[in-house]
Protein backbone atom coordinates (compact mmCIF):
# COMPACT_ATOMS: atom_id res chain seq x y z
CA MET A 1 12.65 -10.82 -5.18
CA LEU A 2 13.37 -10.24 -8.90
CA ASP A 3 15.30 -7.52 -10.70
CA GLN A 4 13.84 -5.62 -13.61
CA ASN A 5 14.72 -7.26 -16.94
CA GLY A 6 13.46 -5.41 -20.02
CA TRP A 7 9.69 -5.33 -19.84
CA TRP A 8 9.70 -7.74 -16.86
CA PRO A 9 9.29 -5.52 -13.72
CA CYS A 10 11.24 -5.64 -10.52
CA LEU A 11 9.10 -7.61 -8.02
CA GLY A 12 9.13 -7.12 -4.25
CA ILE A 13 7.12 -8.50 -1.38
CA SER A 14 6.65 -7.54 2.24
CA ALA A 15 4.83 -9.07 5.14
CA GLY A 16 4.04 -7.71 8.57
CA GLU A 17 1.49 -7.31 11.26
CA LEU A 18 -0.76 -4.36 12.00
CA GLY A 19 -1.64 -3.69 15.60
CA LEU A 20 -4.88 -1.98 16.53
CA VAL A 21 -5.54 -0.77 20.06
CA GLU A 22 -8.85 0.62 21.35
CA PHE A 23 -8.25 3.39 23.85
CA ASP A 24 -11.85 4.43 24.64
CA GLY A 25 -12.21 2.24 27.74
CA GLY A 26 -12.66 -1.11 26.01
CA GLY A 27 -8.94 -1.84 25.85
CA SER A 28 -9.44 -4.17 22.89
CA THR A 29 -6.33 -5.15 20.90
CA SER A 30 -6.10 -6.80 17.48
CA PHE A 31 -3.13 -7.93 15.49
CA LEU A 32 -3.79 -8.33 11.77
CA PRO A 33 -1.32 -9.99 9.37
CA GLN A 34 -0.64 -8.04 6.19
CA PHE A 35 1.06 -8.90 2.90
CA GLU A 36 2.05 -6.71 -0.04
CA ILE A 37 3.40 -7.38 -3.52
CA THR A 38 4.79 -4.57 -5.72
CA ALA A 39 6.02 -4.48 -9.29
CA SER A 40 8.13 -1.53 -10.33
CA TYR A 41 9.91 -0.09 -13.35
CA LEU A 42 13.01 2.07 -13.03
CA ARG A 43 12.27 4.48 -15.84
CA THR A 44 15.36 6.71 -15.53
CA ASN A 45 18.04 7.06 -12.87
CA HIS A 46 15.65 9.40 -11.03
CA SER A 47 12.18 8.05 -11.77
CA LEU A 48 10.36 4.88 -10.68
CA SER A 49 6.77 3.79 -11.50
CA TYR A 50 5.12 1.05 -9.47
CA PHE A 51 1.86 -0.83 -8.91
CA GLY A 52 0.74 -3.61 -6.58
CA VAL A 53 -1.73 -4.81 -4.01
CA HIS A 54 -1.84 -4.66 -0.23
CA THR A 55 -3.79 -7.33 1.66
CA LEU A 56 -4.93 -7.35 5.28
CA TYR A 57 -6.24 -10.45 7.08
CA GLU A 58 -8.48 -10.98 10.08
CA VAL A 59 -7.97 -14.55 11.31
CA SER A 60 -10.17 -14.59 14.40
CA PRO A 61 -13.06 -14.91 15.20
CA ARG A 62 -13.48 -15.70 11.50
CA PHE A 63 -11.22 -15.42 8.47
CA PHE A 64 -11.61 -12.24 6.46
CA MET A 65 -9.37 -10.59 3.89
CA THR A 66 -9.45 -7.14 2.32
CA TYR A 67 -7.24 -5.93 -0.50
CA SER A 68 -6.17 -2.54 -1.73
CA PRO A 69 -4.64 -2.16 -5.23
CA TYR A 70 -2.38 0.84 -5.81
CA VAL A 71 -0.34 2.62 -8.49
CA GLY A 72 2.27 5.31 -7.96
CA HIS A 73 5.33 7.15 -9.05
CA ASN A 74 8.50 8.09 -7.18
CA PHE A 75 11.20 10.48 -8.33
CA SER A 76 14.31 11.98 -6.83
CA VAL A 77 14.63 15.64 -6.01
CA GLY A 78 18.21 15.42 -4.80
CA ARG A 79 20.96 12.92 -4.09
CA ASN A 80 19.19 11.35 -1.07
CA LEU A 81 15.68 12.78 -1.23
CA SER A 82 12.66 11.58 -3.20
CA VAL A 83 8.96 12.34 -3.40
CA SER A 84 6.13 10.03 -4.32
CA LEU A 85 2.51 10.21 -5.29
CA GLU A 86 0.26 7.15 -5.09
CA MET A 87 -3.41 6.33 -5.70
CA LYS A 88 -4.86 3.50 -3.67
CA TRP A 89 -8.28 1.83 -3.78
CA TYR A 90 -8.75 1.04 -0.10
CA ALA A 91 -10.83 -2.06 0.75
CA ALA A 92 -11.75 -2.69 -2.89
CA SER A 93 -13.50 -5.93 -2.02
CA GLU A 94 -15.83 -4.43 0.60
CA ARG A 95 -19.26 -2.92 0.05
CA ASN A 96 -19.55 0.53 1.55
CA LYS A 97 -22.78 -0.03 3.47
CA PRO A 98 -23.24 -1.10 6.15
CA ARG A 99 -19.69 -0.36 7.33
CA ALA A 100 -17.93 0.99 10.38
CA VAL A 101 -15.76 3.07 8.00
CA THR A 102 -17.43 5.47 5.62
CA TYR A 103 -15.33 6.01 2.50
CA ARG A 104 -15.87 9.41 0.89
CA LEU A 105 -14.79 8.42 -2.65
CA PRO A 106 -16.18 4.90 -3.29
CA ILE A 107 -15.76 3.14 -6.63
CA ALA A 108 -18.88 1.22 -7.65
CA ASN A 109 -20.03 1.33 -4.00
CA HIS A 110 -16.90 -0.56 -2.88
CA GLY A 111 -14.07 0.74 -0.69
CA GLY A 112 -12.71 4.19 -1.32
CA LEU A 113 -10.13 5.99 -3.40
CA GLY A 114 -7.21 7.60 -1.61
CA VAL A 115 -4.20 9.67 -2.59
CA VAL A 116 -0.96 9.11 -0.71
CA ALA A 117 1.91 11.60 -0.97
CA GLY A 118 5.31 10.99 0.61
CA VAL A 119 8.80 12.27 1.07
CA SER A 120 11.68 9.83 1.62
CA TYR A 121 15.30 10.16 2.68
CA HIS A 122 17.54 7.46 1.22
CA PHE A 123 20.67 6.23 2.98
CA GLY A 124 21.55 4.39 -0.24
CA GLY A 125 19.67 2.48 -2.89
CA TRP A 126 18.59 2.84 -6.48
CA TYR A 127 19.20 6.60 -6.84
CA ARG A 128 22.95 6.25 -6.70
């Protein structure tokens, strides 16, 4: 959406839909809209820091939203290859009990802390 300008970060948004299918005989299917906004800082030609929030919505049978803030860093390890490390607070707005999901690392009895590591191959983009 917006390019980085001094201390003003680059801003990006994404929207999509998450599909959940139950395979244990019930055959239930859910489609949940999701939205994400990310702010990032290109620190060098090979290093990018970012933070943002991911939201997930249940619209039926009642409206419900959960959000997961995150912070991470991505750096190149070659011309077209990068690695990233991210910390995410999954379901930060939800109390841990009672829940269908048990988070192992809750923060103040809400959601759970997760670490996401990734490797990406770039066909072009900001590393060039």
